[in-house]
Amino acid sequence: VQLQAYGGGSVQAGGSLRLFCKASGSTISSYAVGWFRQAPGKEREFVAAIAKSTSSTSYAASVKGRFTISRDNAKNTVYLQMNSLKPEDTAVYYCAATTVVTGTGNLYQYDYWGQGTEVTVSS
């Protein structure tokens, strides 16, 4: 499966963005999908994940209540709705797919990665 992440941009603090993770080459319903982010000089970190079939979700504590991950298998797309954005959310955001059914926060369990989309939040 190939993944394309897009939808990033520049917003002011308190604003919203919606990220898209579009799959091709395979149906996204075959995978659990996670979003990760990497800020300059920092390690890549888990943001959110959605399970393969039950659509159960998990979130990093830093984004819980502000971000929502969802999927539309008919459109072969997973979304990350980001509200109440903070300057510390500034990073390159990556989507990734795994055959681990429930999704996982462990980036090493993801087999397929998109190219990343940049999010900049100004104060």
PDB file of N, CA and C in Angstrom:
ATOM      1  N   VAL A   1       0.851  -1.176   0.000  1.00  0.00           N
ATOM      2  CA  VAL A   1       0.000   0.000   0.000  1.00  0.00           C
ATOM      3  C   VAL A   1       0.893   1.234   0.000  1.00  0.00           C
ATOM      4  N   GLN A   2       0.492   2.241  -0.765  1.00  0.00           N
ATOM      5  CA  GLN A   2       1.175   3.534  -0.759  1.00  0.00           C
ATOM      6  C   GLN A   2       0.268   4.540  -0.057  1.00  0.00           C
ATOM      7  N   LEU A   3       0.869   5.390   0.760  1.00  0.00           N
ATOM      8  CA  LEU A   3       0.108   6.361   1.529  1.00  0.00           C
ATOM      9  C   LEU A   3       0.535   7.771   1.152  1.00  0.00           C
ATOM     10  N   GLN A   4      -0.434   8.645   0.983  1.00  0.00           N
ATOM     11  CA  GLN A   4      -0.155  10.050   0.705  1.00  0.00           C
ATOM     12  C   GLN A   4      -0.819  10.887   1.786  1.00  0.00           C
ATOM     13  N   ALA A   5      -0.009  11.601   2.547  1.00  0.00           N
ATOM     14  CA  ALA A   5      -0.508  12.493   3.589  1.00  0.00           C
ATOM     15  C   ALA A   5      -0.540  13.918   3.052  1.00  0.00           C
ATOM     16  N   TYR A   6      -1.646  14.604   3.289  1.00  0.00           N
ATOM     17  CA  TYR A   6      -1.736  15.999   2.854  1.00  0.00           C
ATOM     18  C   TYR A   6      -2.746  16.732   3.720  1.00  0.00           C
ATOM     19  N   GLY A   7      -2.815  18.040   3.534  1.00  0.00           N
ATOM     20  CA  GLY A   7      -3.752  18.857   4.305  1.00  0.00           C
ATOM     21  C   GLY A   7      -3.075  19.777   5.300  1.00  0.00           C
ATOM     22  N   GLY A   8      -1.763  19.680   5.428  1.00  0.00           N
ATOM     23  CA  GLY A   8      -1.053  20.552   6.356  1.00  0.00           C
ATOM     24  C   GLY A   8      -1.066  21.995   5.908  1.00  0.00           C
ATOM     25  N   GLY A   9      -0.607  22.868   6.778  1.00  0.00           N
ATOM     26  CA  GLY A   9      -0.563  24.278   6.456  1.00  0.00           C
ATOM     27  C   GLY A   9      -0.165  25.086   7.667  1.00  0.00           C
ATOM     28  N   SER A  10      -0.364  26.389   7.561  1.00  0.00           N
ATOM     29  CA  SER A  10      -0.028  27.310   8.648  1.00  0.00           C
ATOM     30  C   SER A  10      -1.308  27.903   9.217  1.00  0.00           C
ATOM     31  N   VAL A  11      -1.455  27.835  10.529  1.00  0.00           N
ATOM     32  CA  VAL A  11      -2.626  28.391  11.200  1.00  0.00           C
ATOM     33  C   VAL A  11      -2.178  29.092  12.477  1.00  0.00           C
ATOM     34  N   GLN A  12      -3.054  29.937  12.999  1.00  0.00           N
ATOM     35  CA  GLN A  12      -2.791  30.552  14.291  1.00  0.00           C
ATOM     36  C   GLN A  12      -3.271  29.639  15.408  1.00  0.00           C
ATOM     37  N   ALA A  13      -2.710  29.842  16.567  1.00  0.00           N
ATOM     38  CA  ALA A  13      -3.114  29.072  17.741  1.00  0.00           C
ATOM     39  C   ALA A  13      -4.624  29.177  17.934  1.00  0.00           C
ATOM     40  N   GLY A  14      -5.232  28.051  18.258  1.00  0.00           N
ATOM     41  CA  GLY A  14      -6.677  27.985  18.413  1.00  0.00           C
ATOM     42  C   GLY A  14      -7.411  27.572  17.146  1.00  0.00           C
ATOM     43  N   GLY A  15      -6.695  27.563  16.043  1.00  0.00           N
ATOM     44  CA  GLY A  15      -7.300  27.193  14.772  1.00  0.00           C
ATOM     45  C   GLY A  15      -7.408  25.695  14.571  1.00  0.00           C
ATOM     46  N   SER A  16      -7.878  25.322  13.385  1.00  0.00           N
ATOM     47  CA  SER A  16      -8.109  23.913  13.060  1.00  0.00           C
ATOM     48  C   SER A  16      -7.517  23.571  11.700  1.00  0.00           C
ATOM     49  N   LEU A  17      -7.145  22.317  11.563  1.00  0.00           N
ATOM     50  CA  LEU A  17      -6.730  21.755  10.289  1.00  0.00           C
ATOM     51  C   LEU A  17      -7.237  20.330  10.198  1.00  0.00           C
ATOM     52  N   ARG A  18      -7.439  19.860   8.978  1.00  0.00           N
ATOM     53  CA  ARG A  18      -7.815  18.466   8.764  1.00  0.00           C
ATOM     54  C   ARG A  18      -6.774  17.834   7.851  1.00  0.00           C
ATOM     55  N   LEU A  19      -6.160  16.793   8.352  1.00  0.00           N
ATOM     56  CA  LEU A  19      -5.175  16.060   7.575  1.00  0.00           C
ATOM     57  C   LEU A  19      -5.826  14.845   6.926  1.00  0.00           C
ATOM     58  N   PHE A  20      -5.291  14.488   5.749  1.00  0.00           N
ATOM     59  CA  PHE A  20      -5.800  13.364   4.993  1.00  0.00           C
ATOM     60  C   PHE A  20      -4.681  12.355   4.770  1.00  0.00           C
ATOM     61  N   CYS A  21      -5.027  11.086   4.830  1.00  0.00           N
ATOM     62  CA  CYS A  21      -4.098  10.008   4.506  1.00  0.00           C
ATOM     63  C   CYS A  21      -4.801   9.132   3.477  1.00  0.00           C
ATOM     64  N   LYS A  22      -4.402   9.310   2.224  1.00  0.00           N
ATOM     65  CA  LYS A  22      -5.056   8.612   1.117  1.00  0.00           C
ATOM     66  C   LYS A  22      -4.216   7.397   0.731  1.00  0.00           C
ATOM     67  N   ALA A  23      -4.857   6.234   0.654  1.00  0.00           N
ATOM     68  CA  ALA A  23      -4.163   5.009   0.295  1.00  0.00           C
ATOM     69  C   ALA A  23      -4.370   4.672  -1.175  1.00  0.00           C
ATOM     70  N   SER A  24      -3.367   4.036  -1.753  1.00  0.00           N
ATOM     71  CA  SER A  24      -3.477   3.513  -3.109  1.00  0.00           C
ATOM     72  C   SER A  24      -2.708   2.201  -3.179  1.00  0.00           C
ATOM     73  N   GLY A  25      -3.055   1.393  -4.141  1.00  0.00           N
ATOM     74  CA  GLY A  25      -2.378   0.119  -4.304  1.00  0.00           C
ATOM     75  C   GLY A  25      -2.966  -0.996  -3.465  1.00  0.00           C
ATOM     76  N   SER A  26      -3.774  -0.641  -2.500  1.00  0.00           N
ATOM     77  CA  SER A  26      -4.444  -1.618  -1.646  1.00  0.00           C
ATOM     78  C   SER A  26      -5.560  -0.892  -0.913  1.00  0.00           C
ATOM     79  N   THR A  27      -6.470  -1.649  -0.370  1.00  0.00           N
ATOM     80  CA  THR A  27      -7.572  -1.019   0.357  1.00  0.00           C
ATOM     81  C   THR A  27      -7.147  -0.722   1.793  1.00  0.00           C
ATOM     82  N   ILE A  28      -7.440   0.490   2.240  1.00  0.00           N
ATOM     83  CA  ILE A  28      -7.002   0.908   3.560  1.00  0.00           C
ATOM     84  C   ILE A  28      -7.724   0.140   4.656  1.00  0.00           C
ATOM     85  N   SER A  29      -8.851  -0.474   4.318  1.00  0.00           N
ATOM     86  CA  SER A  29      -9.591  -1.261   5.295  1.00  0.00           C
ATOM     87  C   SER A  29      -8.812  -2.486   5.764  1.00  0.00           C
ATOM     88  N   SER A  30      -7.745  -2.823   5.046  1.00  0.00           N
ATOM     89  CA  SER A  30      -6.917  -3.970   5.428  1.00  0.00           C
ATOM     90  C   SER A  30      -5.910  -3.628   6.517  1.00  0.00           C
ATOM     91  N   TYR A  31      -5.864  -2.360   6.926  1.00  0.00           N
ATOM     92  CA  TYR A  31      -4.824  -1.906   7.850  1.00  0.00           C
ATOM     93  C   TYR A  31      -5.401  -1.062   8.978  1.00  0.00           C
ATOM     94  N   ALA A  32      -4.754  -1.144  10.116  1.00  0.00           N
ATOM     95  CA  ALA A  32      -4.905  -0.096  11.118  1.00  0.00           C
ATOM     96  C   ALA A  32      -3.983   1.041  10.702  1.00  0.00           C
ATOM     97  N   VAL A  33      -4.357   2.251  11.036  1.00  0.00           N
ATOM     98  CA  VAL A  33      -3.601   3.423  10.584  1.00  0.00           C
ATOM     99  C   VAL A  33      -3.276   4.323  11.768  1.00  0.00           C
ATOM    100  N   GLY A  34      -2.071   4.827  11.767  1.00  0.00           N
ATOM    101  CA  GLY A  34      -1.651   5.753  12.813  1.00  0.00           C
ATOM    102  C   GLY A  34      -1.150   7.052  12.229  1.00  0.00           C
ATOM    103  N   TRP A  35      -1.252   8.094  13.045  1.00  0.00           N
ATOM    104  CA  TRP A  35      -0.615   9.369  12.736  1.00  0.00           C
ATOM    105  C   TRP A  35       0.516   9.589  13.729  1.00  0.00           C
ATOM    106  N   PHE A  36       1.625  10.051  13.216  1.00  0.00           N
ATOM    107  CA  PHE A  36       2.790  10.389  14.027  1.00  0.00           C
ATOM    108  C   PHE A  36       3.243  11.791  13.632  1.00  0.00           C
ATOM    109  N   ARG A  37       4.053  12.402  14.472  1.00  0.00           N
ATOM    110  CA  ARG A  37       4.588  13.713  14.114  1.00  0.00           C
ATOM    111  C   ARG A  37       6.031  13.832  14.588  1.00  0.00           C
ATOM    112  N   GLN A  38       6.750  14.701  13.895  1.00  0.00           N
ATOM    113  CA  GLN A  38       8.141  14.931  14.247  1.00  0.00           C
ATOM    114  C   GLN A  38       8.437  16.416  14.148  1.00  0.00           C
ATOM    115  N   ALA A  39       8.758  16.989  15.288  1.00  0.00           N
ATOM    116  CA  ALA A  39       9.141  18.396  15.351  1.00  0.00           C
ATOM    117  C   ALA A  39      10.649  18.513  15.130  1.00  0.00           C
ATOM    118  N   PRO A  40      11.125  19.677  14.689  1.00  0.00           N
ATOM    119  CA  PRO A  40      12.563  19.841  14.444  1.00  0.00           C
ATOM    120  C   PRO A  40      13.383  19.508  15.683  1.00  0.00           C
ATOM    121  N   GLY A  41      14.388  18.661  15.496  1.00  0.00           N
ATOM    122  CA  GLY A  41      15.269  18.296  16.585  1.00  0.00           C
ATOM    123  C   GLY A  41      14.698  17.300  17.575  1.00  0.00           C
ATOM    124  N   LYS A  42      13.519  16.788  17.295  1.00  0.00           N
ATOM    125  CA  LYS A  42      12.882  15.838  18.214  1.00  0.00           C
ATOM    126  C   LYS A  42      12.622  14.514  17.516  1.00  0.00           C
ATOM    127  N   GLU A  43      12.370  13.491  18.320  1.00  0.00           N
ATOM    128  CA  GLU A  43      12.064  12.189  17.768  1.00  0.00           C
ATOM    129  C   GLU A  43      10.604  12.146  17.286  1.00  0.00           C
ATOM    130  N   ARG A  44      10.359  11.228  16.370  1.00  0.00           N
ATOM    131  CA  ARG A  44       8.997  11.042  15.893  1.00  0.00           C
ATOM    132  C   ARG A  44       8.154  10.470  17.028  1.00  0.00           C
ATOM    133  N   GLU A  45       6.947  11.013  17.202  1.00  0.00           N
ATOM    134  CA  GLU A  45       6.099  10.580  18.299  1.00  0.00           C
ATOM    135  C   GLU A  45       4.695  10.238  17.819  1.00  0.00           C
ATOM    136  N   PHE A  46       4.074   9.358  18.572  1.00  0.00           N
ATOM    137  CA  PHE A  46       2.719   8.904  18.290  1.00  0.00           C
ATOM    138  C   PHE A  46       1.716  10.017  18.547  1.00  0.00           C
ATOM    139  N   VAL A  47       0.718  10.117  17.658  1.00  0.00           N
ATOM    140  CA  VAL A  47      -0.366  11.082  17.832  1.00  0.00           C
ATOM    141  C   VAL A  47      -1.699  10.369  18.036  1.00  0.00           C
ATOM    142  N   ALA A  48      -2.064   9.497  17.104  1.00  0.00           N
ATOM    143  CA  ALA A  48      -3.361   8.827  17.172  1.00  0.00           C
ATOM    144  C   ALA A  48      -3.336   7.589  16.289  1.00  0.00           C
ATOM    145  N   ALA A  49      -4.231   6.644  16.593  1.00  0.00           N
ATOM    146  CA  ALA A  49      -4.346   5.445  15.780  1.00  0.00           C
ATOM    147  C   ALA A  49      -5.795   5.009  15.726  1.00  0.00           C
ATOM    148  N   ILE A  50      -6.145   4.334  14.635  1.00  0.00           N
ATOM    149  CA  ILE A  50      -7.490   3.801  14.474  1.00  0.00           C
ATOM    150  C   ILE A  50      -7.376   2.352  14.038  1.00  0.00           C
ATOM    151  N   ALA A  51      -8.196   1.507  14.655  1.00  0.00           N
ATOM    152  CA  ALA A  51      -8.110   0.072  14.423  1.00  0.00           C
ATOM    153  C   ALA A  51      -8.576  -0.292  13.022  1.00  0.00           C
ATOM    154  N   LYS A  52      -8.219  -1.517  12.650  1.00  0.00           N
ATOM    155  CA  LYS A  52      -8.497  -2.001  11.299  1.00  0.00           C
ATOM    156  C   LYS A  52      -9.985  -2.136  11.041  1.00  0.00           C
ATOM    157  N   SER A  53     -10.709  -2.782  11.907  1.00  0.00           N
ATOM    158  CA  SER A  53     -12.091  -3.103  11.579  1.00  0.00           C
ATOM    159  C   SER A  53     -13.104  -2.515  12.547  1.00  0.00           C
ATOM    160  N   THR A  54     -12.720  -2.395  13.813  1.00  0.00           N
ATOM    161  CA  THR A  54     -13.697  -1.902  14.797  1.00  0.00           C
ATOM    162  C   THR A  54     -13.736  -0.393  14.850  1.00  0.00           C
ATOM    163  N   SER A  55     -12.704   0.248  14.252  1.00  0.00           N
ATOM    164  CA  SER A  55     -12.568   1.701  14.292  1.00  0.00           C
ATOM    165  C   SER A  55     -12.409   2.240  15.704  1.00  0.00           C
ATOM    166  N   SER A  56     -11.977   1.388  16.616  1.00  0.00           N
ATOM    167  CA  SER A  56     -11.622   1.921  17.928  1.00  0.00           C
ATOM    168  C   SER A  56     -10.373   2.789  17.765  1.00  0.00           C
ATOM    169  N   THR A  57     -10.255   3.787  18.624  1.00  0.00           N
ATOM    170  CA  THR A  57      -9.194   4.778  18.470  1.00  0.00           C
ATOM    171  C   THR A  57      -8.368   4.917  19.735  1.00  0.00           C
ATOM    172  N   SER A  58      -7.170   5.429  19.568  1.00  0.00           N
ATOM    173  CA  SER A  58      -6.315   5.753  20.707  1.00  0.00           C
ATOM    174  C   SER A  58      -5.572   7.036  20.400  1.00  0.00           C
ATOM    175  N   TYR A  59      -5.208   7.784  21.459  1.00  0.00           N
ATOM    176  CA  TYR A  59      -4.589   9.094  21.289  1.00  0.00           C
ATOM    177  C   TYR A  59      -3.457   9.290  22.286  1.00  0.00           C
ATOM    178  N   ALA A  60      -2.501  10.094  21.870  1.00  0.00           N
ATOM    179  CA  ALA A  60      -1.501  10.563  22.815  1.00  0.00           C
ATOM    180  C   ALA A  60      -2.173  11.518  23.794  1.00  0.00           C
ATOM    181  N   ALA A  61      -1.686  11.547  25.006  1.00  0.00           N
ATOM    182  CA  ALA A  61      -2.289  12.393  26.039  1.00  0.00           C
ATOM    183  C   ALA A  61      -2.267  13.868  25.626  1.00  0.00           C
ATOM    184  N   SER A  62      -1.250  14.251  24.884  1.00  0.00           N
ATOM    185  CA  SER A  62      -1.091  15.659  24.520  1.00  0.00           C
ATOM    186  C   SER A  62      -2.134  16.157  23.517  1.00  0.00           C
ATOM    187  N   VAL A  63      -2.809  15.238  22.833  1.00  0.00           N
ATOM    188  CA  VAL A  63      -3.791  15.657  21.824  1.00  0.00           C
ATOM    189  C   VAL A  63      -5.196  15.191  22.143  1.00  0.00           C
ATOM    190  N   LYS A  64      -5.359  14.367  23.143  1.00  0.00           N
ATOM    191  CA  LYS A  64      -6.679  13.819  23.462  1.00  0.00           C
ATOM    192  C   LYS A  64      -7.636  14.949  23.788  1.00  0.00           C
ATOM    193  N   GLY A  65      -8.825  14.869  23.186  1.00  0.00           N
ATOM    194  CA  GLY A  65      -9.822  15.908  23.387  1.00  0.00           C
ATOM    195  C   GLY A  65      -9.741  17.031  22.375  1.00  0.00           C
ATOM    196  N   ARG A  66      -8.628  17.104  21.639  1.00  0.00           N
ATOM    197  CA  ARG A  66      -8.462  18.146  20.615  1.00  0.00           C
ATOM    198  C   ARG A  66      -8.406  17.549  19.206  1.00  0.00           C
ATOM    199  N   PHE A  67      -7.833  16.366  19.077  1.00  0.00           N
ATOM    200  CA  PHE A  67      -7.686  15.711  17.780  1.00  0.00           C
ATOM    201  C   PHE A  67      -8.657  14.537  17.679  1.00  0.00           C
ATOM    202  N   THR A  68      -9.133  14.272  16.464  1.00  0.00           N
ATOM    203  CA  THR A  68     -10.005  13.131  16.219  1.00  0.00           C
ATOM    204  C   THR A  68      -9.533  12.399  14.968  1.00  0.00           C
ATOM    205  N   ILE A  69      -9.286  11.104  15.109  1.00  0.00           N
ATOM    206  CA  ILE A  69      -8.923  10.283  13.961  1.00  0.00           C
ATOM    207  C   ILE A  69     -10.159   9.513  13.514  1.00  0.00           C
ATOM    208  N   SER A  70     -10.341   9.403  12.211  1.00  0.00           N
ATOM    209  CA  SER A  70     -11.491   8.676  11.672  1.00  0.00           C
ATOM    210  C   SER A  70     -11.094   8.087  10.321  1.00  0.00           C
ATOM    211  N   ARG A  71     -11.939   7.201   9.828  1.00  0.00           N
ATOM    212  CA  ARG A  71     -11.630   6.569   8.548  1.00  0.00           C
ATOM    213  C   ARG A  71     -12.875   6.463   7.695  1.00  0.00           C
ATOM    214  N   ASP A  72     -12.689   6.533   6.386  1.00  0.00           N
ATOM    215  CA  ASP A  72     -13.743   6.302   5.422  1.00  0.00           C
ATOM    216  C   ASP A  72     -13.181   5.275   4.440  1.00  0.00           C
ATOM    217  N   ASN A  73     -13.480   4.022   4.683  1.00  0.00           N
ATOM    218  CA  ASN A  73     -12.911   2.955   3.859  1.00  0.00           C
ATOM    219  C   ASN A  73     -13.384   3.056   2.410  1.00  0.00           C
ATOM    220  N   ALA A  74     -14.576   3.582   2.191  1.00  0.00           N
ATOM    221  CA  ALA A  74     -15.087   3.721   0.821  1.00  0.00           C
ATOM    222  C   ALA A  74     -14.235   4.714   0.019  1.00  0.00           C
ATOM    223  N   LYS A  75     -13.651   5.684   0.718  1.00  0.00           N
ATOM    224  CA  LYS A  75     -12.791   6.674   0.062  1.00  0.00           C
ATOM    225  C   LYS A  75     -11.316   6.341   0.230  1.00  0.00           C
ATOM    226  N   ASN A  76     -11.063   5.190   0.873  1.00  0.00           N
ATOM    227  CA  ASN A  76      -9.673   4.754   1.077  1.00  0.00           C
ATOM    228  C   ASN A  76      -8.845   5.819   1.786  1.00  0.00           C
ATOM    229  N   THR A  77      -9.460   6.460   2.758  1.00  0.00           N
ATOM    230  CA  THR A  77      -8.834   7.617   3.405  1.00  0.00           C
ATOM    231  C   THR A  77      -9.029   7.566   4.917  1.00  0.00           C
ATOM    232  N   VAL A  78      -7.994   7.988   5.631  1.00  0.00           N
ATOM    233  CA  VAL A  78      -8.059   8.213   7.072  1.00  0.00           C
ATOM    234  C   VAL A  78      -7.821   9.692   7.313  1.00  0.00           C
ATOM    235  N   TYR A  79      -8.546  10.243   8.268  1.00  0.00           N
ATOM    236  CA  TYR A  79      -8.484  11.666   8.554  1.00  0.00           C
ATOM    237  C   TYR A  79      -7.926  11.907   9.954  1.00  0.00           C
ATOM    238  N   LEU A  80      -7.344  13.088  10.121  1.00  0.00           N
ATOM    239  CA  LEU A  80      -6.977  13.565  11.451  1.00  0.00           C
ATOM    240  C   LEU A  80      -7.495  14.995  11.561  1.00  0.00           C
ATOM    241  N   GLN A  81      -8.590  15.158  12.307  1.00  0.00           N
ATOM    242  CA  GLN A  81      -9.149  16.485  12.555  1.00  0.00           C
ATOM    243  C   GLN A  81      -8.449  17.074  13.760  1.00  0.00           C
ATOM    244  N   MET A  82      -7.836  18.215  13.584  1.00  0.00           N
ATOM    245  CA  MET A  82      -7.057  18.851  14.644  1.00  0.00           C
ATOM    246  C   MET A  82      -7.695  20.188  15.007  1.00  0.00           C
ATOM    247  N   ASN A  83      -8.196  20.290  16.215  1.00  0.00           N
ATOM    248  CA  ASN A  83      -8.826  21.512  16.704  1.00  0.00           C
ATOM    249  C   ASN A  83      -8.007  22.100  17.853  1.00  0.00           C
ATOM    250  N   SER A  84      -8.276  23.343  18.168  1.00  0.00           N
ATOM    251  CA  SER A  84      -7.599  24.022  19.279  1.00  0.00           C
ATOM    252  C   SER A  84      -6.091  23.846  19.186  1.00  0.00           C
ATOM    253  N   LEU A  85      -5.564  24.093  18.028  1.00  0.00           N
ATOM    254  CA  LEU A  85      -4.141  23.868  17.800  1.00  0.00           C
ATOM    255  C   LEU A  85      -3.275  24.794  18.637  1.00  0.00           C
ATOM    256  N   LYS A  86      -2.137  24.261  19.049  1.00  0.00           N
ATOM    257  CA  LYS A  86      -1.183  24.985  19.883  1.00  0.00           C
ATOM    258  C   LYS A  86       0.160  25.076  19.146  1.00  0.00           C
ATOM    259  N   PRO A  87       0.968  26.044  19.479  1.00  0.00           N
ATOM    260  CA  PRO A  87       2.291  26.125  18.829  1.00  0.00           C
ATOM    261  C   PRO A  87       3.105  24.838  18.981  1.00  0.00           C
ATOM    262  N   GLU A  88       2.917  24.134  20.079  1.00  0.00           N
ATOM    263  CA  GLU A  88       3.669  22.896  20.278  1.00  0.00           C
ATOM    264  C   GLU A  88       3.179  21.750  19.398  1.00  0.00           C
ATOM    265  N   ASP A  89       2.097  21.969  18.652  1.00  0.00           N
ATOM    266  CA  ASP A  89       1.657  20.974  17.667  1.00  0.00           C
ATOM    267  C   ASP A  89       2.419  21.112  16.345  1.00  0.00           C
ATOM    268  N   THR A  90       3.241  22.137  16.227  1.00  0.00           N
ATOM    269  CA  THR A  90       4.023  22.343  15.011  1.00  0.00           C
ATOM    270  C   THR A  90       4.958  21.171  14.773  1.00  0.00           C
ATOM    271  N   ALA A  91       4.844  20.569  13.588  1.00  0.00           N
ATOM    272  CA  ALA A  91       5.638  19.381  13.264  1.00  0.00           C
ATOM    273  C   ALA A  91       5.310  18.939  11.843  1.00  0.00           C
ATOM    274  N   VAL A  92       6.080  17.984  11.363  1.00  0.00           N
ATOM    275  CA  VAL A  92       5.703  17.248  10.157  1.00  0.00           C
ATOM    276  C   VAL A  92       4.895  16.040  10.605  1.00  0.00           C
ATOM    277  N   TYR A  93       3.722  15.884  10.027  1.00  0.00           N
ATOM    278  CA  TYR A  93       2.816  14.812  10.402  1.00  0.00           C
ATOM    279  C   TYR A  93       2.872  13.703   9.348  1.00  0.00           C
ATOM    280  N   TYR A  94       2.993  12.482   9.822  1.00  0.00           N
ATOM    281  CA  TYR A  94       3.077  11.313   8.962  1.00  0.00           C
ATOM    282  C   TYR A  94       1.940  10.357   9.278  1.00  0.00           C
ATOM    283  N   CYS A  95       1.378   9.742   8.242  1.00  0.00           N
ATOM    284  CA  CYS A  95       0.463   8.632   8.478  1.00  0.00           C
ATOM    285  C   CYS A  95       1.185   7.333   8.128  1.00  0.00           C
ATOM    286  N   ALA A  96       0.764   6.272   8.773  1.00  0.00           N
ATOM    287  CA  ALA A  96       1.409   4.984   8.596  1.00  0.00           C
ATOM    288  C   ALA A  96       0.377   3.877   8.750  1.00  0.00           C
ATOM    289  N   ALA A  97       0.648   2.752   8.123  1.00  0.00           N
ATOM    290  CA  ALA A  97      -0.284   1.626   8.150  1.00  0.00           C
ATOM    291  C   ALA A  97       0.394   0.394   8.726  1.00  0.00           C
ATOM    292  N   THR A  98      -0.389  -0.390   9.454  1.00  0.00           N
ATOM    293  CA  THR A  98       0.117  -1.601  10.072  1.00  0.00           C
ATOM    294  C   THR A  98      -0.928  -2.698   9.976  1.00  0.00           C
ATOM    295  N   THR A  99      -0.439  -3.931   9.980  1.00  0.00           N
ATOM    296  CA  THR A  99      -1.359  -5.054  10.005  1.00  0.00           C
ATOM    297  C   THR A  99      -1.728  -5.438  11.437  1.00  0.00           C
ATOM    298  N   VAL A 100      -1.154  -4.749  12.417  1.00  0.00           N
ATOM    299  CA  VAL A 100      -1.570  -4.952  13.807  1.00  0.00           C
ATOM    300  C   VAL A 100      -3.009  -4.461  13.917  1.00  0.00           C
ATOM    301  N   VAL A 101      -3.914  -5.332  14.235  1.00  0.00           N
ATOM    302  CA  VAL A 101      -5.346  -5.072  14.071  1.00  0.00           C
ATOM    303  C   VAL A 101      -5.831  -3.839  14.815  1.00  0.00           C
ATOM    304  N   THR A 102      -5.364  -3.670  16.052  1.00  0.00           N
ATOM    305  CA  THR A 102      -5.903  -2.598  16.876  1.00  0.00           C
ATOM    306  C   THR A 102      -5.190  -1.275  16.685  1.00  0.00           C
ATOM    307  N   GLY A 103      -4.165  -1.265  15.864  1.00  0.00           N
ATOM    308  CA  GLY A 103      -3.349  -0.063  15.805  1.00  0.00           C
ATOM    309  C   GLY A 103      -2.424  -0.051  17.009  1.00  0.00           C
ATOM    310  N   THR A 104      -1.438   0.786  16.994  1.00  0.00           N
ATOM    311  CA  THR A 104      -0.447   0.786  18.053  1.00  0.00           C
ATOM    312  C   THR A 104       0.271   2.121  18.079  1.00  0.00           C
ATOM    313  N   GLY A 105       0.795   2.469  19.209  1.00  0.00           N
ATOM    314  CA  GLY A 105       1.580   3.686  19.328  1.00  0.00           C
ATOM    315  C   GLY A 105       3.048   3.479  19.055  1.00  0.00           C
ATOM    316  N   ASN A 106       3.422   2.244  18.767  1.00  0.00           N
ATOM    317  CA  ASN A 106       4.819   1.903  18.513  1.00  0.00           C
ATOM    318  C   ASN A 106       5.128   2.071  17.032  1.00  0.00           C
ATOM    319  N   LEU A 107       5.897   3.069  16.689  1.00  0.00           N
ATOM    320  CA  LEU A 107       6.134   3.361  15.277  1.00  0.00           C
ATOM    321  C   LEU A 107       6.860   2.230  14.575  1.00  0.00           C
ATOM    322  N   TYR A 108       7.581   1.409  15.313  1.00  0.00           N
ATOM    323  CA  TYR A 108       8.331   0.314  14.697  1.00  0.00           C
ATOM    324  C   TYR A 108       7.430  -0.830  14.241  1.00  0.00           C
ATOM    325  N   GLN A 109       6.164  -0.792  14.634  1.00  0.00           N
ATOM    326  CA  GLN A 109       5.220  -1.808  14.196  1.00  0.00           C
ATOM    327  C   GLN A 109       4.480  -1.399  12.928  1.00  0.00           C
ATOM    328  N   TYR A 110       4.817  -0.244  12.373  1.00  0.00           N
ATOM    329  CA  TYR A 110       4.178   0.212  11.147  1.00  0.00           C
ATOM    330  C   TYR A 110       5.075  -0.107   9.957  1.00  0.00           C
ATOM    331  N   ASP A 111       4.460  -0.681   8.935  1.00  0.00           N
ATOM    332  CA  ASP A 111       5.212  -1.159   7.784  1.00  0.00           C
ATOM    333  C   ASP A 111       5.252  -0.164   6.628  1.00  0.00           C
ATOM    334  N   TYR A 112       4.231   0.687   6.558  1.00  0.00           N
ATOM    335  CA  TYR A 112       4.090   1.579   5.404  1.00  0.00           C
ATOM    336  C   TYR A 112       3.917   3.008   5.900  1.00  0.00           C
ATOM    337  N   TRP A 113       4.617   3.930   5.257  1.00  0.00           N
ATOM    338  CA  TRP A 113       4.616   5.329   5.686  1.00  0.00           C
ATOM    339  C   TRP A 113       4.349   6.262   4.515  1.00  0.00           C
ATOM    340  N   GLY A 114       3.595   7.319   4.799  1.00  0.00           N
ATOM    341  CA  GLY A 114       3.428   8.387   3.839  1.00  0.00           C
ATOM    342  C   GLY A 114       4.602   9.348   3.926  1.00  0.00           C
ATOM    343  N   GLN A 115       4.598  10.365   3.084  1.00  0.00           N
ATOM    344  CA  GLN A 115       5.752  11.255   2.966  1.00  0.00           C
ATOM    345  C   GLN A 115       5.736  12.408   3.970  1.00  0.00           C
ATOM    346  N   GLY A 116       4.657  12.620   4.657  1.00  0.00           N
ATOM    347  CA  GLY A 116       4.591  13.694   5.644  1.00  0.00           C
ATOM    348  C   GLY A 116       3.988  14.967   5.097  1.00  0.00           C
ATOM    349  N   THR A 117       3.309  15.680   5.974  1.00  0.00           N
ATOM    350  CA  THR A 117       2.740  16.978   5.627  1.00  0.00           C
ATOM    351  C   THR A 117       3.018  17.924   6.795  1.00  0.00           C
ATOM    352  N   GLU A 118       3.425  19.145   6.481  1.00  0.00           N
ATOM    353  CA  GLU A 118       3.909  20.061   7.513  1.00  0.00           C
ATOM    354  C   GLU A 118       2.778  20.898   8.097  1.00  0.00           C
ATOM    355  N   VAL A 119       2.768  20.976   9.412  1.00  0.00           N
ATOM    356  CA  VAL A 119       1.803  21.793  10.155  1.00  0.00           C
ATOM    357  C   VAL A 119       2.578  22.819  10.971  1.00  0.00           C
ATOM    358  N   THR A 120       2.231  24.081  10.802  1.00  0.00           N
ATOM    359  CA  THR A 120       2.859  25.161  11.558  1.00  0.00           C
ATOM    360  C   THR A 120       1.788  25.951  12.280  1.00  0.00           C
ATOM    361  N   VAL A 121       1.921  26.054  13.601  1.00  0.00           N
ATOM    362  CA  VAL A 121       0.962  26.789  14.418  1.00  0.00           C
ATOM    363  C   VAL A 121       1.679  27.971  15.052  1.00  0.00           C
ATOM    364  N   SER A 122       1.211  29.159  14.758  1.00  0.00           N
ATOM    365  CA  SER A 122       1.847  30.363  15.290  1.00  0.00           C
ATOM    366  C   SER A 122       1.044  30.910  16.463  1.00  0.00           C
ATOM    367  N   SER A 123       1.766  31.532  17.380  1.00  0.00           N
ATOM    368  CA  SER A 123       1.098  32.067  18.583  1.00  0.00           C
ATOM    369  C   SER A 123       0.603  33.489  18.369  1.00  0.00           C
TER     370      SER A 123
END
